[in-house]
PDB file of N, CA and C in Angstrom:
ATOM      1  N   MET A   1     151.493  27.309 126.375  1.00  0.00           N
ATOM      2  CA  MET A   1     151.670  27.831 125.107  1.00  0.00           C
ATOM      3  C   MET A   1     150.789  28.986 124.908  1.00  0.00           C
ATOM      4  N   GLY A   2     151.200  30.070 124.391  1.00  0.00           N
ATOM      5  CA  GLY A   2     150.401  31.354 124.156  1.00  0.00           C
ATOM      6  C   GLY A   2     149.774  31.453 122.928  1.00  0.00           C
ATOM      7  N   MET A   3     148.720  32.281 122.789  1.00  0.00           N
ATOM      8  CA  MET A   3     148.094  32.442 121.585  1.00  0.00           C
ATOM      9  C   MET A   3     148.297  33.898 121.115  1.00  0.00           C
ATOM     10  N   PRO A   4     148.883  34.109 119.867  1.00  0.00           N
ATOM     11  CA  PRO A   4     149.092  35.442 119.350  1.00  0.00           C
ATOM     12  C   PRO A   4     147.808  36.111 119.172  1.00  0.00           C
ATOM     13  N   MET A   5     147.630  37.440 119.726  1.00  0.00           N
ATOM     14  CA  MET A   5     146.432  38.094 119.564  1.00  0.00           C
ATOM     15  C   MET A   5     146.702  39.687 119.526  1.00  0.00           C
ATOM     16  N   GLU A   6     145.938  40.348 118.725  1.00  0.00           N
ATOM     17  CA  GLU A   6     146.195  41.785 118.701  1.00  0.00           C
ATOM     18  C   GLU A   6     144.949  42.522 119.311  1.00  0.00           C
ATOM     19  N   LEU A   7     145.166  43.657 119.996  1.00  0.00           N
ATOM     20  CA  LEU A   7     143.993  44.422 120.416  1.00  0.00           C
ATOM     21  C   LEU A   7     143.813  45.596 119.447  1.00  0.00           C
ATOM     22  N   GLN A   8     142.657  45.759 118.858  1.00  0.00           N
ATOM     23  CA  GLN A   8     142.395  46.693 117.837  1.00  0.00           C
ATOM     24  C   GLN A   8     141.518  47.937 118.268  1.00  0.00           C
ATOM     25  N   THR A   9     141.859  49.020 117.923  1.00  0.00           N
ATOM     26  CA  THR A   9     141.105  50.197 118.361  1.00  0.00           C
ATOM     27  C   THR A   9     140.517  51.019 117.075  1.00  0.00           C
ATOM     28  N   VAL A  10     140.846  50.470 115.903  1.00  0.00           N
ATOM     29  CA  VAL A  10     140.357  50.952 114.702  1.00  0.00           C
ATOM     30  C   VAL A  10     139.892  49.751 113.722  1.00  0.00           C
ATOM     31  N   ILE A  11     138.880  49.900 112.993  1.00  0.00           N
ATOM     32  CA  ILE A  11     138.385  48.862 112.147  1.00  0.00           C
ATOM     33  C   ILE A  11     139.013  49.229 110.770  1.00  0.00           C
ATOM     34  N   VAL A  12     139.962  48.427 110.302  1.00  0.00           N
ATOM     35  CA  VAL A  12     140.534  48.623 109.023  1.00  0.00           C
ATOM     36  C   VAL A  12     140.001  47.650 108.047  1.00  0.00           C
ATOM     37  N   THR A  13     139.332  48.052 107.045  1.00  0.00           N
ATOM     38  CA  THR A  13     138.552  47.093 106.093  1.00  0.00           C
ATOM     39  C   THR A  13     139.422  46.600 104.878  1.00  0.00           C
ATOM     40  N   LYS A  14     140.201  47.411 104.362  1.00  0.00           N
ATOM     41  CA  LYS A  14     140.980  47.241 103.122  1.00  0.00           C
ATOM     42  C   LYS A  14     140.056  46.727 102.008  1.00  0.00           C
ATOM     43  N   GLY A  15     138.764  47.247 102.101  1.00  0.00           N
ATOM     44  CA  GLY A  15     137.773  46.899 101.127  1.00  0.00           C
ATOM     45  C   GLY A  15     137.107  45.510 101.191  1.00  0.00           C
ATOM     46  N   ASN A  16     137.413  44.741 102.202  1.00  0.00           N
ATOM     47  CA  ASN A  16     137.022  43.391 102.397  1.00  0.00           C
ATOM     48  C   ASN A  16     135.726  43.328 103.164  1.00  0.00           C
ATOM     49  N   GLU A  17     134.987  44.381 103.505  1.00  0.00           N
ATOM     50  CA  GLU A  17     133.778  44.235 104.346  1.00  0.00           C
ATOM     51  C   GLU A  17     132.626  43.781 103.336  1.00  0.00           C
ATOM     52  N   GLN A  18     131.638  43.169 103.987  1.00  0.00           N
ATOM     53  CA  GLN A  18     130.498  42.618 103.199  1.00  0.00           C
ATOM     54  C   GLN A  18     129.319  43.164 104.040  1.00  0.00           C
ATOM     55  N   ARG A  19     128.324  43.774 103.294  1.00  0.00           N
ATOM     56  CA  ARG A  19     127.096  44.339 103.861  1.00  0.00           C
ATOM     57  C   ARG A  19     126.139  43.123 104.043  1.00  0.00           C
ATOM     58  N   ILE A  20     125.625  43.029 105.325  1.00  0.00           N
ATOM     59  CA  ILE A  20     124.650  41.909 105.655  1.00  0.00           C
ATOM     60  C   ILE A  20     123.300  42.521 105.354  1.00  0.00           C
ATOM     61  N   GLN A  21     123.029  43.719 105.913  1.00  0.00           N
ATOM     62  CA  GLN A  21     121.693  44.392 105.786  1.00  0.00           C
ATOM     63  C   GLN A  21     121.805  45.783 106.355  1.00  0.00           C
ATOM     64  N   GLY A  22     121.159  46.599 105.731  1.00  0.00           N
ATOM     65  CA  GLY A  22     121.116  48.094 106.262  1.00  0.00           C
ATOM     66  C   GLY A  22     122.589  48.580 106.506  1.00  0.00           C
ATOM     67  N   ASN A  23     122.900  48.927 107.625  1.00  0.00           N
ATOM     68  CA  ASN A  23     124.207  49.420 107.984  1.00  0.00           C
ATOM     69  C   ASN A  23     125.117  48.452 108.823  1.00  0.00           C
ATOM     70  N   THR A  24     124.753  47.149 108.690  1.00  0.00           N
ATOM     71  CA  THR A  24     125.461  46.136 109.285  1.00  0.00           C
ATOM     72  C   THR A  24     126.333  45.348 108.371  1.00  0.00           C
ATOM     73  N   PHE A  25     127.660  45.281 108.702  1.00  0.00           N
ATOM     74  CA  PHE A  25     128.696  44.644 107.913  1.00  0.00           C
ATOM     75  C   PHE A  25     129.392  43.523 108.626  1.00  0.00           C
ATOM     76  N   VAL A  26     130.039  42.688 107.855  1.00  0.00           N
ATOM     77  CA  VAL A  26     130.856  41.559 108.345  1.00  0.00           C
ATOM     78  C   VAL A  26     132.246  41.800 107.740  1.00  0.00           C
ATOM     79  N   LEU A  27     133.238  41.622 108.572  1.00  0.00           N
ATOM     80  CA  LEU A  27     134.703  41.605 108.072  1.00  0.00           C
ATOM     81  C   LEU A  27     135.455  40.457 108.660  1.00  0.00           C
ATOM     82  N   LYS A  28     136.074  39.716 107.782  1.00  0.00           N
ATOM     83  CA  LYS A  28     136.905  38.595 108.151  1.00  0.00           C
ATOM     84  C   LYS A  28     138.334  38.993 108.052  1.00  0.00           C
ATOM     85  N   LYS A  29     139.144  38.710 109.139  1.00  0.00           N
ATOM     86  CA  LYS A  29     140.537  39.039 109.188  1.00  0.00           C
ATOM     87  C   LYS A  29     141.348  37.760 109.492  1.00  0.00           C
ATOM     88  N   ASP A  30     142.534  37.616 109.097  1.00  0.00           N
ATOM     89  CA  ASP A  30     143.418  36.590 109.472  1.00  0.00           C
ATOM     90  C   ASP A  30     143.913  36.869 110.852  1.00  0.00           C
ATOM     91  N   GLY A  31     144.139  35.828 111.715  1.00  0.00           N
ATOM     92  CA  GLY A  31     144.705  35.940 112.966  1.00  0.00           C
ATOM     93  C   GLY A  31     143.669  36.241 114.024  1.00  0.00           C
ATOM     94  N   TYR A  32     144.055  36.285 115.121  1.00  0.00           N
ATOM     95  CA  TYR A  32     143.062  36.577 116.370  1.00  0.00           C
ATOM     96  C   TYR A  32     143.187  38.034 116.648  1.00  0.00           C
ATOM     97  N   ARG A  33     142.090  38.715 116.656  1.00  0.00           N
ATOM     98  CA  ARG A  33     142.056  40.150 116.861  1.00  0.00           C
ATOM     99  C   ARG A  33     140.944  40.407 117.910  1.00  0.00           C
ATOM    100  N   LEU A  34     141.217  41.325 118.883  1.00  0.00           N
ATOM    101  CA  LEU A  34     140.162  41.660 119.903  1.00  0.00           C
ATOM    102  C   LEU A  34     139.809  43.158 119.617  1.00  0.00           C
ATOM    103  N   TYR A  35     138.444  43.283 119.412  1.00  0.00           N
ATOM    104  CA  TYR A  35     137.900  44.657 119.310  1.00  0.00           C
ATOM    105  C   TYR A  35     136.907  44.885 120.559  1.00  0.00           C
ATOM    106  N   PRO A  36     136.818  46.037 121.019  1.00  0.00           N
ATOM    107  CA  PRO A  36     136.029  46.366 122.091  1.00  0.00           C
ATOM    108  C   PRO A  36     134.471  46.284 121.576  1.00  0.00           C
ATOM    109  N   LEU A  37     133.610  45.737 122.312  1.00  0.00           N
ATOM    110  CA  LEU A  37     132.203  45.631 121.854  1.00  0.00           C
ATOM    111  C   LEU A  37     131.455  46.852 122.393  1.00  0.00           C
ATOM    112  N   ASP A  38     130.543  47.236 121.614  1.00  0.00           N
ATOM    113  CA  ASP A  38     129.603  48.383 121.974  1.00  0.00           C
ATOM    114  C   ASP A  38     130.210  49.655 122.229  1.00  0.00           C
ATOM    115  N   VAL A  39     131.401  49.859 121.665  1.00  0.00           N
ATOM    116  CA  VAL A  39     132.208  51.175 121.817  1.00  0.00           C
ATOM    117  C   VAL A  39     132.400  51.684 120.376  1.00  0.00           C
ATOM    118  N   PRO A  40     132.091  53.037 120.131  1.00  0.00           N
ATOM    119  CA  PRO A  40     132.320  53.577 118.823  1.00  0.00           C
ATOM    120  C   PRO A  40     133.792  53.598 118.448  1.00  0.00           C
ATOM    121  N   LEU A  41     134.080  53.030 117.224  1.00  0.00           N
ATOM    122  CA  LEU A  41     135.408  52.896 116.722  1.00  0.00           C
ATOM    123  C   LEU A  41     135.465  53.576 115.309  1.00  0.00           C
ATOM    124  N   GLU A  42     136.560  54.082 114.960  1.00  0.00           N
ATOM    125  CA  GLU A  42     136.795  54.611 113.603  1.00  0.00           C
ATOM    126  C   GLU A  42     136.979  53.447 112.583  1.00  0.00           C
ATOM    127  N   VAL A  43     136.348  53.688 111.484  1.00  0.00           N
ATOM    128  CA  VAL A  43     136.376  52.743 110.310  1.00  0.00           C
ATOM    129  C   VAL A  43     137.302  53.478 109.218  1.00  0.00           C
ATOM    130  N   ARG A  44     138.283  52.657 108.819  1.00  0.00           N
ATOM    131  CA  ARG A  44     139.157  53.237 107.739  1.00  0.00           C
ATOM    132  C   ARG A  44     139.365  52.154 106.649  1.00  0.00           C
ATOM    133  N   ARG A  45     139.675  52.583 105.513  1.00  0.00           N
ATOM    134  CA  ARG A  45     139.973  51.592 104.444  1.00  0.00           C
ATOM    135  C   ARG A  45     141.319  51.063 104.560  1.00  0.00           C
ATOM    136  N   THR A  46     142.296  51.888 104.926  1.00  0.00           N
ATOM    137  CA  THR A  46     143.693  51.411 105.195  1.00  0.00           C
ATOM    138  C   THR A  46     144.032  52.222 106.531  1.00  0.00           C
ATOM    139  N   LEU A  47     145.133  51.665 107.134  1.00  0.00           N
ATOM    140  CA  LEU A  47     145.518  52.391 108.414  1.00  0.00           C
ATOM    141  C   LEU A  47     145.990  53.702 108.266  1.00  0.00           C
ATOM    142  N   GLN A  48     146.575  54.071 107.061  1.00  0.00           N
ATOM    143  CA  GLN A  48     146.943  55.432 106.783  1.00  0.00           C
ATOM    144  C   GLN A  48     145.923  56.341 106.270  1.00  0.00           C
ATOM    145  N   SER A  49     144.814  55.896 105.834  1.00  0.00           N
ATOM    146  CA  SER A  49     143.718  56.695 105.244  1.00  0.00           C
ATOM    147  C   SER A  49     142.974  57.425 106.374  1.00  0.00           C
ATOM    148  N   GLU A  50     142.213  58.426 105.896  1.00  0.00           N
ATOM    149  CA  GLU A  50     141.381  59.111 106.827  1.00  0.00           C
ATOM    150  C   GLU A  50     140.138  58.260 107.222  1.00  0.00           C
ATOM    151  N   ALA A  51     139.576  58.489 108.407  1.00  0.00           N
ATOM    152  CA  ALA A  51     138.426  57.671 108.865  1.00  0.00           C
ATOM    153  C   ALA A  51     137.170  57.989 107.908  1.00  0.00           C
ATOM    154  N   SER A  52     136.486  56.905 107.531  1.00  0.00           N
ATOM    155  CA  SER A  52     135.325  57.053 106.632  1.00  0.00           C
ATOM    156  C   SER A  52     134.053  57.001 107.422  1.00  0.00           C
ATOM    157  N   GLY A  53     134.166  56.626 108.691  1.00  0.00           N
ATOM    158  CA  GLY A  53     132.977  56.753 109.561  1.00  0.00           C
ATOM    159  C   GLY A  53     133.251  56.069 110.911  1.00  0.00           C
ATOM    160  N   ILE A  54     132.173  55.875 111.697  1.00  0.00           N
ATOM    161  CA  ILE A  54     132.228  55.355 113.045  1.00  0.00           C
ATOM    162  C   ILE A  54     131.332  54.212 113.096  1.00  0.00           C
ATOM    163  N   ALA A  55     131.831  53.029 113.677  1.00  0.00           N
ATOM    164  CA  ALA A  55     131.031  51.838 113.828  1.00  0.00           C
ATOM    165  C   ALA A  55     131.088  51.345 115.304  1.00  0.00           C
ATOM    166  N   VAL A  56     130.161  50.539 115.527  1.00  0.00           N
ATOM    167  CA  VAL A  56     130.090  49.768 116.858  1.00  0.00           C
ATOM    168  C   VAL A  56     130.083  48.351 116.553  1.00  0.00           C
ATOM    169  N   VAL A  57     131.053  47.665 117.186  1.00  0.00           N
ATOM    170  CA  VAL A  57     131.135  46.128 117.004  1.00  0.00           C
ATOM    171  C   VAL A  57     130.077  45.446 117.768  1.00  0.00           C
ATOM    172  N   LYS A  58     129.279  44.595 117.148  1.00  0.00           N
ATOM    173  CA  LYS A  58     128.148  43.900 117.762  1.00  0.00           C
ATOM    174  C   LYS A  58     128.478  42.510 118.106  1.00  0.00           C
ATOM    175  N   LYS A  59     129.399  41.837 117.296  1.00  0.00           N
ATOM    176  CA  LYS A  59     129.648  40.456 117.471  1.00  0.00           C
ATOM    177  C   LYS A  59     131.100  40.220 117.020  1.00  0.00           C
ATOM    178  N   LEU A  60     131.809  39.394 117.798  1.00  0.00           N
ATOM    179  CA  LEU A  60     133.183  39.023 117.471  1.00  0.00           C
ATOM    180  C   LEU A  60     133.304  37.479 117.628  1.00  0.00           C
ATOM    181  N   GLU A  61     133.944  36.883 116.545  1.00  0.00           N
ATOM    182  CA  GLU A  61     134.067  35.389 116.558  1.00  0.00           C
ATOM    183  C   GLU A  61     135.570  35.049 116.185  1.00  0.00           C
ATOM    184  N   TRP A  62     136.074  34.094 116.958  1.00  0.00           N
ATOM    185  CA  TRP A  62     137.361  33.590 116.571  1.00  0.00           C
ATOM    186  C   TRP A  62     137.223  32.041 116.206  1.00  0.00           C
ATOM    187  N   GLU A  63     137.858  31.706 115.084  1.00  0.00           N
ATOM    188  CA  GLU A  63     137.733  30.292 114.689  1.00  0.00           C
ATOM    189  C   GLU A  63     138.791  30.034 113.635  1.00  0.00           C
ATOM    190  N   ASP A  64     139.621  29.007 113.836  1.00  0.00           N
ATOM    191  CA  ASP A  64     140.639  28.606 112.839  1.00  0.00           C
ATOM    192  C   ASP A  64     141.598  29.712 112.440  1.00  0.00           C
ATOM    193  N   SER A  65     142.096  30.362 113.477  1.00  0.00           N
ATOM    194  CA  SER A  65     143.026  31.489 113.291  1.00  0.00           C
ATOM    195  C   SER A  65     142.463  32.553 112.433  1.00  0.00           C
ATOM    196  N   ARG A  66     141.196  32.731 112.527  1.00  0.00           N
ATOM    197  CA  ARG A  66     140.514  33.924 111.781  1.00  0.00           C
ATOM    198  C   ARG A  66     139.535  34.649 112.718  1.00  0.00           C
ATOM    199  N   THR A  67     139.417  35.920 112.573  1.00  0.00           N
ATOM    200  CA  THR A  67     138.465  36.760 113.343  1.00  0.00           C
ATOM    201  C   THR A  67     137.437  37.245 112.367  1.00  0.00           C
ATOM    202  N   THR A  68     136.179  37.136 112.796  1.00  0.00           N
ATOM    203  CA  THR A  68     135.047  37.593 112.132  1.00  0.00           C
ATOM    204  C   THR A  68     134.406  38.704 112.982  1.00  0.00           C
ATOM    205  N   VAL A  69     134.272  39.872 112.370  1.00  0.00           N
ATOM    206  CA  VAL A  69     133.792  41.061 113.204  1.00  0.00           C
ATOM    207  C   VAL A  69     132.434  41.416 112.478  1.00  0.00           C
ATOM    208  N   THR A  70     131.481  41.563 113.234  1.00  0.00           N
ATOM    209  CA  THR A  70     130.141  42.092 112.788  1.00  0.00           C
ATOM    210  C   THR A  70     129.963  43.459 113.477  1.00  0.00           C
ATOM    211  N   TYR A  71     129.824  44.416 112.577  1.00  0.00           N
ATOM    212  CA  TYR A  71     129.679  45.788 113.127  1.00  0.00           C
ATOM    213  C   TYR A  71     128.567  46.630 112.455  1.00  0.00           C
ATOM    214  N   GLU A  72     128.132  47.610 113.168  1.00  0.00           N
ATOM    215  CA  GLU A  72     127.077  48.442 112.705  1.00  0.00           C
ATOM    216  C   GLU A  72     127.685  49.856 112.459  1.00  0.00           C
ATOM    217  N   LEU A  73     127.567  50.338 111.269  1.00  0.00           N
ATOM    218  CA  LEU A  73     128.004  51.666 110.943  1.00  0.00           C
ATOM    219  C   LEU A  73     127.030  52.677 111.468  1.00  0.00           C
ATOM    220  N   VAL A  74     127.428  53.568 112.373  1.00  0.00           N
ATOM    221  CA  VAL A  74     126.525  54.531 113.061  1.00  0.00           C
ATOM    222  C   VAL A  74     126.682  55.827 112.542  1.00  0.00           C
ATOM    223  N   SER A  75     127.766  56.136 111.885  1.00  0.00           N
ATOM    224  CA  SER A  75     127.999  57.496 111.244  1.00  0.00           C
ATOM    225  C   SER A  75     128.887  57.340 110.104  1.00  0.00           C
ATOM    226  N   LEU A  76     128.581  57.871 108.951  1.00  0.00           N
ATOM    227  CA  LEU A  76     129.414  57.923 107.780  1.00  0.00           C
ATOM    228  C   LEU A  76     129.855  59.369 107.407  1.00  0.00           C
ATOM    229  N   TYR A  77     131.203  59.438 107.250  1.00  0.00           N
ATOM    230  CA  TYR A  77     131.745  60.771 106.891  1.00  0.00           C
ATOM    231  C   TYR A  77     131.620  60.935 105.403  1.00  0.00           C
ATOM    232  N   SER A  78     131.336  62.189 104.903  1.00  0.00           N
ATOM    233  CA  SER A  78     131.281  62.541 103.558  1.00  0.00           C
ATOM    234  C   SER A  78     132.581  62.432 103.038  1.00  0.00           C
ATOM    235  N   THR A  79     132.721  61.951 101.723  1.00  0.00           N
ATOM    236  CA  THR A  79     134.023  62.000 101.024  1.00  0.00           C
ATOM    237  C   THR A  79     134.227  63.227 100.235  1.00  0.00           C
ATOM    238  N   ASN A  80     133.281  64.159 100.238  1.00  0.00           N
ATOM    239  CA  ASN A  80     133.419  65.431  99.484  1.00  0.00           C
ATOM    240  C   ASN A  80     134.064  66.430 100.347  1.00  0.00           C
TER     241      ASN A  80
END
């Protein structure tokens, strides 16, 4: 029996991210998703929006058909 999983190359938050401390955030998403660790990825609010910054995934957890991503924002683009 297979496990459905998506490989992600962009962090799409949809406004659901939570700041832990400083520039570290946690994002919970439904389903199993695989993000590369320690590689700079674009952060976007929606898939169609422009990138709001660059982040590096530090921790990835799978449990009960949910993915929890802990990432550090390393660069923030100006919205002006």
